[in-house]
Amino acid sequence: MPYVSGGRVHDSRPIDGLGSVKDLFWGVLNFCYLFFLSLVSPSSSPSRIGGNGQSAPKAPKRRMGGFGGGRGSGPTPPPMGGGG
């Protein structure tokens, strides 16, 4: 993967001790943070992280399938397949 440093394009990122350890540390820390965030609040959307702090509007719940039973009808079935 190309890497740009100081206006020059390199084939790969140079491996230096301190920079690699620092990037590995922040990568592990970010992974743990997002993992535990998903455990605590699994219904949060990416728009809630950052942004204006307001969650996206929720879609209305729809009943799907099943038999009518006097409660109304469900969605119409797809058309029959045929060949001729």
PDB file of N, CA and C in Angstrom:
ATOM      1  N   MET A   1       0.847  -1.166   0.000  1.00  0.00           N
ATOM      2  CA  MET A   1       0.000   0.000   0.000  1.00  0.00           C
ATOM      3  C   MET A   1       0.897   1.236   0.000  1.00  0.00           C
ATOM      4  N   PRO A   2       0.621   2.202  -0.863  1.00  0.00           N
ATOM      5  CA  PRO A   2       1.458   3.397  -0.904  1.00  0.00           C
ATOM      6  C   PRO A   2       1.321   4.215   0.379  1.00  0.00           C
ATOM      7  N   TYR A   3       2.399   4.881   0.722  1.00  0.00           N
ATOM      8  CA  TYR A   3       2.451   5.694   1.933  1.00  0.00           C
ATOM      9  C   TYR A   3       3.081   7.031   1.571  1.00  0.00           C
ATOM     10  N   VAL A   4       2.449   8.127   1.960  1.00  0.00           N
ATOM     11  CA  VAL A   4       2.960   9.458   1.656  1.00  0.00           C
ATOM     12  C   VAL A   4       3.544  10.046   2.922  1.00  0.00           C
ATOM     13  N   SER A   5       4.793  10.475   2.834  1.00  0.00           N
ATOM     14  CA  SER A   5       5.468  11.091   3.972  1.00  0.00           C
ATOM     15  C   SER A   5       6.298  12.260   3.460  1.00  0.00           C
ATOM     16  N   GLY A   6       6.005  13.452   3.947  1.00  0.00           N
ATOM     17  CA  GLY A   6       6.772  14.629   3.552  1.00  0.00           C
ATOM     18  C   GLY A   6       6.654  14.950   2.069  1.00  0.00           C
ATOM     19  N   GLY A   7       5.529  14.631   1.447  1.00  0.00           N
ATOM     20  CA  GLY A   7       5.335  14.928   0.043  1.00  0.00           C
ATOM     21  C   GLY A   7       5.911  13.882  -0.885  1.00  0.00           C
ATOM     22  N   ARG A   8       6.487  12.826  -0.362  1.00  0.00           N
ATOM     23  CA  ARG A   8       7.059  11.760  -1.193  1.00  0.00           C
ATOM     24  C   ARG A   8       6.226  10.502  -1.020  1.00  0.00           C
ATOM     25  N   VAL A   9       6.082   9.753  -2.091  1.00  0.00           N
ATOM     26  CA  VAL A   9       5.313   8.511  -2.079  1.00  0.00           C
ATOM     27  C   VAL A   9       6.283   7.346  -1.904  1.00  0.00           C
ATOM     28  N   HIS A  10       6.001   6.504  -0.917  1.00  0.00           N
ATOM     29  CA  HIS A  10       6.833   5.329  -0.627  1.00  0.00           C
ATOM     30  C   HIS A  10       6.017   4.079  -0.901  1.00  0.00           C
ATOM     31  N   ASP A  11       6.718   2.959  -1.157  1.00  0.00           N
ATOM     32  CA  ASP A  11       6.034   1.691  -1.400  1.00  0.00           C
ATOM     33  C   ASP A  11       5.328   1.190  -0.151  1.00  0.00           C
ATOM     34  N   SER A  12       5.958   1.347   0.983  1.00  0.00           N
ATOM     35  CA  SER A  12       5.351   0.905   2.238  1.00  0.00           C
ATOM     36  C   SER A  12       5.785   1.848   3.343  1.00  0.00           C
ATOM     37  N   ARG A  13       5.085   1.762   4.443  1.00  0.00           N
ATOM     38  CA  ARG A  13       5.401   2.608   5.588  1.00  0.00           C
ATOM     39  C   ARG A  13       6.658   2.100   6.267  1.00  0.00           C
ATOM     40  N   PRO A  14       7.570   3.003   6.596  1.00  0.00           N
ATOM     41  CA  PRO A  14       8.780   2.544   7.270  1.00  0.00           C
ATOM     42  C   PRO A  14       8.450   2.010   8.664  1.00  0.00           C
ATOM     43  N   ILE A  15       9.095   0.939   9.019  1.00  0.00           N
ATOM     44  CA  ILE A  15       8.857   0.319  10.321  1.00  0.00           C
ATOM     45  C   ILE A  15       9.882   0.881  11.297  1.00  0.00           C
ATOM     46  N   ASP A  16       9.402   1.742  12.167  1.00  0.00           N
ATOM     47  CA  ASP A  16      10.260   2.236  13.235  1.00  0.00           C
ATOM     48  C   ASP A  16       9.649   1.799  14.557  1.00  0.00           C
ATOM     49  N   GLY A  17      10.455   1.599  15.543  1.00  0.00           N
ATOM     50  CA  GLY A  17      10.000   1.029  16.803  1.00  0.00           C
ATOM     51  C   GLY A  17       8.907   1.827  17.483  1.00  0.00           C
ATOM     52  N   LEU A  18       9.106   3.106  17.695  1.00  0.00           N
ATOM     53  CA  LEU A  18       8.171   3.908  18.468  1.00  0.00           C
ATOM     54  C   LEU A  18       6.856   4.137  17.722  1.00  0.00           C
ATOM     55  N   GLY A  19       6.919   4.438  16.440  1.00  0.00           N
ATOM     56  CA  GLY A  19       5.703   4.701  15.672  1.00  0.00           C
ATOM     57  C   GLY A  19       4.811   3.469  15.557  1.00  0.00           C
ATOM     58  N   SER A  20       5.413   2.311  15.333  1.00  0.00           N
ATOM     59  CA  SER A  20       4.636   1.077  15.211  1.00  0.00           C
ATOM     60  C   SER A  20       3.990   0.695  16.533  1.00  0.00           C
ATOM     61  N   VAL A  21       4.721   0.856  17.625  1.00  0.00           N
ATOM     62  CA  VAL A  21       4.176   0.523  18.942  1.00  0.00           C
ATOM     63  C   VAL A  21       3.044   1.472  19.288  1.00  0.00           C
ATOM     64  N   LYS A  22       3.214   2.742  18.965  1.00  0.00           N
ATOM     65  CA  LYS A  22       2.171   3.738  19.238  1.00  0.00           C
ATOM     66  C   LYS A  22       0.911   3.433  18.429  1.00  0.00           C
ATOM     67  N   ASP A  23       1.067   3.110  17.137  1.00  0.00           N
ATOM     68  CA  ASP A  23      -0.094   2.782  16.305  1.00  0.00           C
ATOM     69  C   ASP A  23      -0.780   1.509  16.785  1.00  0.00           C
ATOM     70  N   LEU A  24      -0.010   0.516  17.195  1.00  0.00           N
ATOM     71  CA  LEU A  24      -0.583  -0.719  17.719  1.00  0.00           C
ATOM     72  C   LEU A  24      -1.361  -0.443  19.006  1.00  0.00           C
ATOM     73  N   PHE A  25      -0.809   0.379  19.888  1.00  0.00           N
ATOM     74  CA  PHE A  25      -1.481   0.730  21.144  1.00  0.00           C
ATOM     75  C   PHE A  25      -2.823   1.405  20.874  1.00  0.00           C
ATOM     76  N   TRP A  26      -2.846   2.409  19.974  1.00  0.00           N
ATOM     77  CA  TRP A  26      -4.083   3.122  19.689  1.00  0.00           C
ATOM     78  C   TRP A  26      -5.082   2.238  18.960  1.00  0.00           C
ATOM     79  N   GLY A  27      -4.591   1.317  18.132  1.00  0.00           N
ATOM     80  CA  GLY A  27      -5.494   0.392  17.452  1.00  0.00           C
ATOM     81  C   GLY A  27      -6.194  -0.530  18.431  1.00  0.00           C
ATOM     82  N   VAL A  28      -5.442  -1.068  19.396  1.00  0.00           N
ATOM     83  CA  VAL A  28      -6.029  -1.946  20.416  1.00  0.00           C
ATOM     84  C   VAL A  28      -6.993  -1.160  21.297  1.00  0.00           C
ATOM     85  N   LEU A  29      -6.611   0.049  21.673  1.00  0.00           N
ATOM     86  CA  LEU A  29      -7.474   0.875  22.516  1.00  0.00           C
ATOM     87  C   LEU A  29      -8.783   1.222  21.803  1.00  0.00           C
ATOM     88  N   ASN A  30      -8.719   1.592  20.541  1.00  0.00           N
ATOM     89  CA  ASN A  30      -9.934   1.904  19.782  1.00  0.00           C
ATOM     90  C   ASN A  30     -10.806   0.668  19.595  1.00  0.00           C
ATOM     91  N   PHE A  31     -10.192  -0.490  19.360  1.00  0.00           N
ATOM     92  CA  PHE A  31     -10.969  -1.717  19.215  1.00  0.00           C
ATOM     93  C   PHE A  31     -11.721  -2.028  20.507  1.00  0.00           C
ATOM     94  N   CYS A  32     -11.034  -1.956  21.644  1.00  0.00           N
ATOM     95  CA  CYS A  32     -11.688  -2.238  22.933  1.00  0.00           C
ATOM     96  C   CYS A  32     -12.815  -1.250  23.204  1.00  0.00           C
ATOM     97  N   TYR A  33     -12.587   0.021  22.919  1.00  0.00           N
ATOM     98  CA  TYR A  33     -13.613   1.033  23.138  1.00  0.00           C
ATOM     99  C   TYR A  33     -14.864   0.748  22.308  1.00  0.00           C
ATOM    100  N   LEU A  34     -14.676   0.476  21.018  1.00  0.00           N
ATOM    101  CA  LEU A  34     -15.833   0.217  20.161  1.00  0.00           C
ATOM    102  C   LEU A  34     -16.506  -1.104  20.501  1.00  0.00           C
ATOM    103  N   PHE A  35     -15.734  -2.105  20.926  1.00  0.00           N
ATOM    104  CA  PHE A  35     -16.311  -3.386  21.321  1.00  0.00           C
ATOM    105  C   PHE A  35     -17.220  -3.214  22.530  1.00  0.00           C
ATOM    106  N   PHE A  36     -16.722  -2.551  23.579  1.00  0.00           N
ATOM    107  CA  PHE A  36     -17.542  -2.366  24.776  1.00  0.00           C
ATOM    108  C   PHE A  36     -18.687  -1.394  24.533  1.00  0.00           C
ATOM    109  N   LEU A  37     -18.502  -0.430  23.660  1.00  0.00           N
ATOM    110  CA  LEU A  37     -19.590   0.474  23.305  1.00  0.00           C
ATOM    111  C   LEU A  37     -20.719  -0.294  22.635  1.00  0.00           C
ATOM    112  N   SER A  38     -20.385  -1.260  21.793  1.00  0.00           N
ATOM    113  CA  SER A  38     -21.429  -2.052  21.135  1.00  0.00           C
ATOM    114  C   SER A  38     -22.122  -2.989  22.120  1.00  0.00           C
ATOM    115  N   LEU A  39     -21.443  -3.426  23.170  1.00  0.00           N
ATOM    116  CA  LEU A  39     -22.079  -4.269  24.184  1.00  0.00           C
ATOM    117  C   LEU A  39     -23.049  -3.472  25.046  1.00  0.00           C
ATOM    118  N   VAL A  40     -22.665  -2.260  25.395  1.00  0.00           N
ATOM    119  CA  VAL A  40     -23.477  -1.433  26.285  1.00  0.00           C
ATOM    120  C   VAL A  40     -24.671  -0.854  25.552  1.00  0.00           C
ATOM    121  N   SER A  41     -24.476  -0.398  24.340  1.00  0.00           N
ATOM    122  CA  SER A  41     -25.539   0.266  23.597  1.00  0.00           C
ATOM    123  C   SER A  41     -25.611  -0.293  22.184  1.00  0.00           C
ATOM    124  N   PRO A  42     -26.157  -1.503  22.009  1.00  0.00           N
ATOM    125  CA  PRO A  42     -26.168  -2.091  20.667  1.00  0.00           C
ATOM    126  C   PRO A  42     -27.114  -1.405  19.696  1.00  0.00           C
ATOM    127  N   SER A  43     -28.054  -0.593  20.194  1.00  0.00           N
ATOM    128  CA  SER A  43     -29.005   0.043  19.283  1.00  0.00           C
ATOM    129  C   SER A  43     -28.513   1.391  18.789  1.00  0.00           C
ATOM    130  N   SER A  44     -27.321   1.810  19.196  1.00  0.00           N
ATOM    131  CA  SER A  44     -26.854   3.116  18.738  1.00  0.00           C
ATOM    132  C   SER A  44     -26.426   3.014  17.283  1.00  0.00           C
ATOM    133  N   SER A  45     -26.680   4.070  16.556  1.00  0.00           N
ATOM    134  CA  SER A  45     -26.315   4.112  15.152  1.00  0.00           C
ATOM    135  C   SER A  45     -25.044   4.942  15.014  1.00  0.00           C
ATOM    136  N   PRO A  46     -24.327   4.788  13.910  1.00  0.00           N
ATOM    137  CA  PRO A  46     -23.110   5.581  13.718  1.00  0.00           C
ATOM    138  C   PRO A  46     -23.383   7.081  13.736  1.00  0.00           C
ATOM    139  N   SER A  47     -24.606   7.518  13.421  1.00  0.00           N
ATOM    140  CA  SER A  47     -24.888   8.949  13.443  1.00  0.00           C
ATOM    141  C   SER A  47     -24.915   9.504  14.863  1.00  0.00           C
ATOM    142  N   ARG A  48     -25.110   8.632  15.872  1.00  0.00           N
ATOM    143  CA  ARG A  48     -25.108   9.110  17.253  1.00  0.00           C
ATOM    144  C   ARG A  48     -23.706   9.328  17.769  1.00  0.00           C
ATOM    145  N   ILE A  49     -22.742   8.605  17.219  1.00  0.00           N
ATOM    146  CA  ILE A  49     -21.364   8.786  17.650  1.00  0.00           C
ATOM    147  C   ILE A  49     -20.843  10.021  16.933  1.00  0.00           C
ATOM    148  N   GLY A  50     -20.561  11.062  17.674  1.00  0.00           N
ATOM    149  CA  GLY A  50     -20.201  12.330  17.063  1.00  0.00           C
ATOM    150  C   GLY A  50     -21.482  13.030  16.638  1.00  0.00           C
ATOM    151  N   GLY A  51     -21.443  13.749  15.560  1.00  0.00           N
ATOM    152  CA  GLY A  51     -22.646  14.387  15.032  1.00  0.00           C
ATOM    153  C   GLY A  51     -23.254  15.368  16.007  1.00  0.00           C
ATOM    154  N   ASN A  52     -24.563  15.524  15.951  1.00  0.00           N
ATOM    155  CA  ASN A  52     -25.228  16.506  16.797  1.00  0.00           C
ATOM    156  C   ASN A  52     -25.826  15.885  18.056  1.00  0.00           C
ATOM    157  N   GLY A  53     -25.616  14.606  18.307  1.00  0.00           N
ATOM    158  CA  GLY A  53     -26.100  13.985  19.533  1.00  0.00           C
ATOM    159  C   GLY A  53     -27.533  13.501  19.466  1.00  0.00           C
ATOM    160  N   GLN A  54     -28.206  13.713  18.347  1.00  0.00           N
ATOM    161  CA  GLN A  54     -29.581  13.252  18.214  1.00  0.00           C
ATOM    162  C   GLN A  54     -29.588  11.965  17.410  1.00  0.00           C
ATOM    163  N   SER A  55     -30.411  11.030  17.846  1.00  0.00           N
ATOM    164  CA  SER A  55     -30.470   9.763  17.123  1.00  0.00           C
ATOM    165  C   SER A  55     -31.363   9.913  15.893  1.00  0.00           C
ATOM    166  N   ALA A  56     -31.169   9.004  14.946  1.00  0.00           N
ATOM    167  CA  ALA A  56     -31.973   9.014  13.724  1.00  0.00           C
ATOM    168  C   ALA A  56     -33.408   8.606  14.055  1.00  0.00           C
ATOM    169  N   PRO A  57     -34.389   9.093  13.298  1.00  0.00           N
ATOM    170  CA  PRO A  57     -35.772   8.707  13.580  1.00  0.00           C
ATOM    171  C   PRO A  57     -35.961   7.208  13.365  1.00  0.00           C
ATOM    172  N   LYS A  58     -36.769   6.595  14.225  1.00  0.00           N
ATOM    173  CA  LYS A  58     -36.987   5.158  14.145  1.00  0.00           C
ATOM    174  C   LYS A  58     -38.109   4.854  13.168  1.00  0.00           C
ATOM    175  N   ALA A  59     -37.942   3.767  12.433  1.00  0.00           N
ATOM    176  CA  ALA A  59     -38.948   3.348  11.467  1.00  0.00           C
ATOM    177  C   ALA A  59     -40.129   2.735  12.210  1.00  0.00           C
ATOM    178  N   PRO A  60     -41.345   2.917  11.707  1.00  0.00           N
ATOM    179  CA  PRO A  60     -42.496   2.309  12.372  1.00  0.00           C
ATOM    180  C   PRO A  60     -42.442   0.792  12.256  1.00  0.00           C
ATOM    181  N   LYS A  61     -42.957   0.101  13.275  1.00  0.00           N
ATOM    182  CA  LYS A  61     -42.968  -1.361  13.261  1.00  0.00           C
ATOM    183  C   LYS A  61     -44.106  -1.842  12.387  1.00  0.00           C
ATOM    184  N   ARG A  62     -43.837  -2.847  11.569  1.00  0.00           N
ATOM    185  CA  ARG A  62     -44.853  -3.428  10.700  1.00  0.00           C
ATOM    186  C   ARG A  62     -45.013  -4.885  11.041  1.00  0.00           C
ATOM    187  N   ARG A  63     -46.231  -5.359  10.981  1.00  0.00           N
ATOM    188  CA  ARG A  63     -46.484  -6.789  11.158  1.00  0.00           C
ATOM    189  C   ARG A  63     -46.234  -7.462   9.828  1.00  0.00           C
ATOM    190  N   MET A  64     -45.530  -8.568   9.887  1.00  0.00           N
ATOM    191  CA  MET A  64     -45.212  -9.278   8.657  1.00  0.00           C
ATOM    192  C   MET A  64     -45.758 -10.691   8.723  1.00  0.00           C
ATOM    193  N   GLY A  65     -46.393 -11.126   7.653  1.00  0.00           N
ATOM    194  CA  GLY A  65     -46.812 -12.506   7.481  1.00  0.00           C
ATOM    195  C   GLY A  65     -47.855 -12.966   8.472  1.00  0.00           C
ATOM    196  N   GLY A  66     -48.028 -14.279   8.560  1.00  0.00           N
ATOM    197  CA  GLY A  66     -49.004 -14.860   9.476  1.00  0.00           C
ATOM    198  C   GLY A  66     -50.375 -14.934   8.824  1.00  0.00           C
ATOM    199  N   PHE A  67     -51.318 -15.495   9.551  1.00  0.00           N
ATOM    200  CA  PHE A  67     -52.683 -15.603   9.064  1.00  0.00           C
ATOM    201  C   PHE A  67     -53.485 -14.431   9.599  1.00  0.00           C
ATOM    202  N   GLY A  68     -54.484 -14.018   8.827  1.00  0.00           N
ATOM    203  CA  GLY A  68     -55.286 -12.855   9.202  1.00  0.00           C
ATOM    204  C   GLY A  68     -55.982 -13.031  10.537  1.00  0.00           C
ATOM    205  N   GLY A  69     -56.818 -14.023  10.666  1.00  0.00           N
ATOM    206  CA  GLY A  69     -57.493 -14.295  11.927  1.00  0.00           C
ATOM    207  C   GLY A  69     -58.338 -13.145  12.418  1.00  0.00           C
ATOM    208  N   GLY A  70     -58.869 -12.324  11.527  1.00  0.00           N
ATOM    209  CA  GLY A  70     -59.707 -11.216  11.954  1.00  0.00           C
ATOM    210  C   GLY A  70     -58.918  -9.982  12.364  1.00  0.00           C
ATOM    211  N   ARG A  71     -57.628 -10.063  12.316  1.00  0.00           N
ATOM    212  CA  ARG A  71     -56.807  -8.914  12.714  1.00  0.00           C
ATOM    213  C   ARG A  71     -56.365  -8.101  11.510  1.00  0.00           C
ATOM    214  N   GLY A  72     -56.893  -8.369  10.360  1.00  0.00           N
ATOM    215  CA  GLY A  72     -56.446  -7.686   9.151  1.00  0.00           C
ATOM    216  C   GLY A  72     -55.561  -8.623   8.355  1.00  0.00           C
ATOM    217  N   SER A  73     -55.170  -8.205   7.217  1.00  0.00           N
ATOM    218  CA  SER A  73     -54.361  -9.079   6.374  1.00  0.00           C
ATOM    219  C   SER A  73     -52.921  -8.595   6.354  1.00  0.00           C
ATOM    220  N   GLY A  74     -52.033  -9.516   6.097  1.00  0.00           N
ATOM    221  CA  GLY A  74     -50.618  -9.197   5.993  1.00  0.00           C
ATOM    222  C   GLY A  74     -50.286  -8.735   4.589  1.00  0.00           C
ATOM    223  N   PRO A  75     -49.030  -8.648   4.283  1.00  0.00           N
ATOM    224  CA  PRO A  75     -48.634  -8.232   2.936  1.00  0.00           C
ATOM    225  C   PRO A  75     -49.033  -9.285   1.916  1.00  0.00           C
ATOM    226  N   THR A  76     -49.227  -8.854   0.690  1.00  0.00           N
ATOM    227  CA  THR A  76     -49.645  -9.779  -0.354  1.00  0.00           C
ATOM    228  C   THR A  76     -48.457 -10.671  -0.731  1.00  0.00           C
ATOM    229  N   PRO A  77     -48.747 -11.932  -1.065  1.00  0.00           N
ATOM    230  CA  PRO A  77     -47.672 -12.846  -1.443  1.00  0.00           C
ATOM    231  C   PRO A  77     -47.140 -12.499  -2.826  1.00  0.00           C
ATOM    232  N   PRO A  78     -45.927 -12.936  -3.151  1.00  0.00           N
ATOM    233  CA  PRO A  78     -45.403 -12.674  -4.477  1.00  0.00           C
ATOM    234  C   PRO A  78     -46.148 -13.495  -5.518  1.00  0.00           C
ATOM    235  N   PRO A  79     -46.107 -13.104  -6.783  1.00  0.00           N
ATOM    236  CA  PRO A  79     -46.829 -13.866  -7.814  1.00  0.00           C
ATOM    237  C   PRO A  79     -46.223 -15.243  -8.021  1.00  0.00           C
ATOM    238  N   MET A  80     -47.044 -16.164  -8.468  1.00  0.00           N
ATOM    239  CA  MET A  80     -46.600 -17.533  -8.717  1.00  0.00           C
ATOM    240  C   MET A  80     -45.618 -17.535  -9.882  1.00  0.00           C
ATOM    241  N   GLY A  81     -44.615 -18.361  -9.741  1.00  0.00           N
ATOM    242  CA  GLY A  81     -43.663 -18.502 -10.845  1.00  0.00           C
ATOM    243  C   GLY A  81     -44.256 -19.424 -11.906  1.00  0.00           C
ATOM    244  N   GLY A  82     -43.944 -19.170 -13.081  1.00  0.00           N
ATOM    245  CA  GLY A  82     -44.488 -20.015 -14.145  1.00  0.00           C
ATOM    246  C   GLY A  82     -43.517 -20.075 -15.300  1.00  0.00           C
ATOM    247  N   GLY A  83     -43.740 -20.942 -16.134  1.00  0.00           N
ATOM    248  CA  GLY A  83     -42.909 -21.066 -17.311  1.00  0.00           C
ATOM    249  C   GLY A  83     -43.747 -21.613 -18.435  1.00  0.00           C
ATOM    250  N   GLY A  84     -43.456 -21.229 -19.557  1.00  0.00           N
ATOM    251  CA  GLY A  84     -44.354 -21.700 -20.570  1.00  0.00           C
ATOM    252  C   GLY A  84     -43.741 -21.940 -21.827  1.00  0.00           C
TER     253      GLY A  84
END
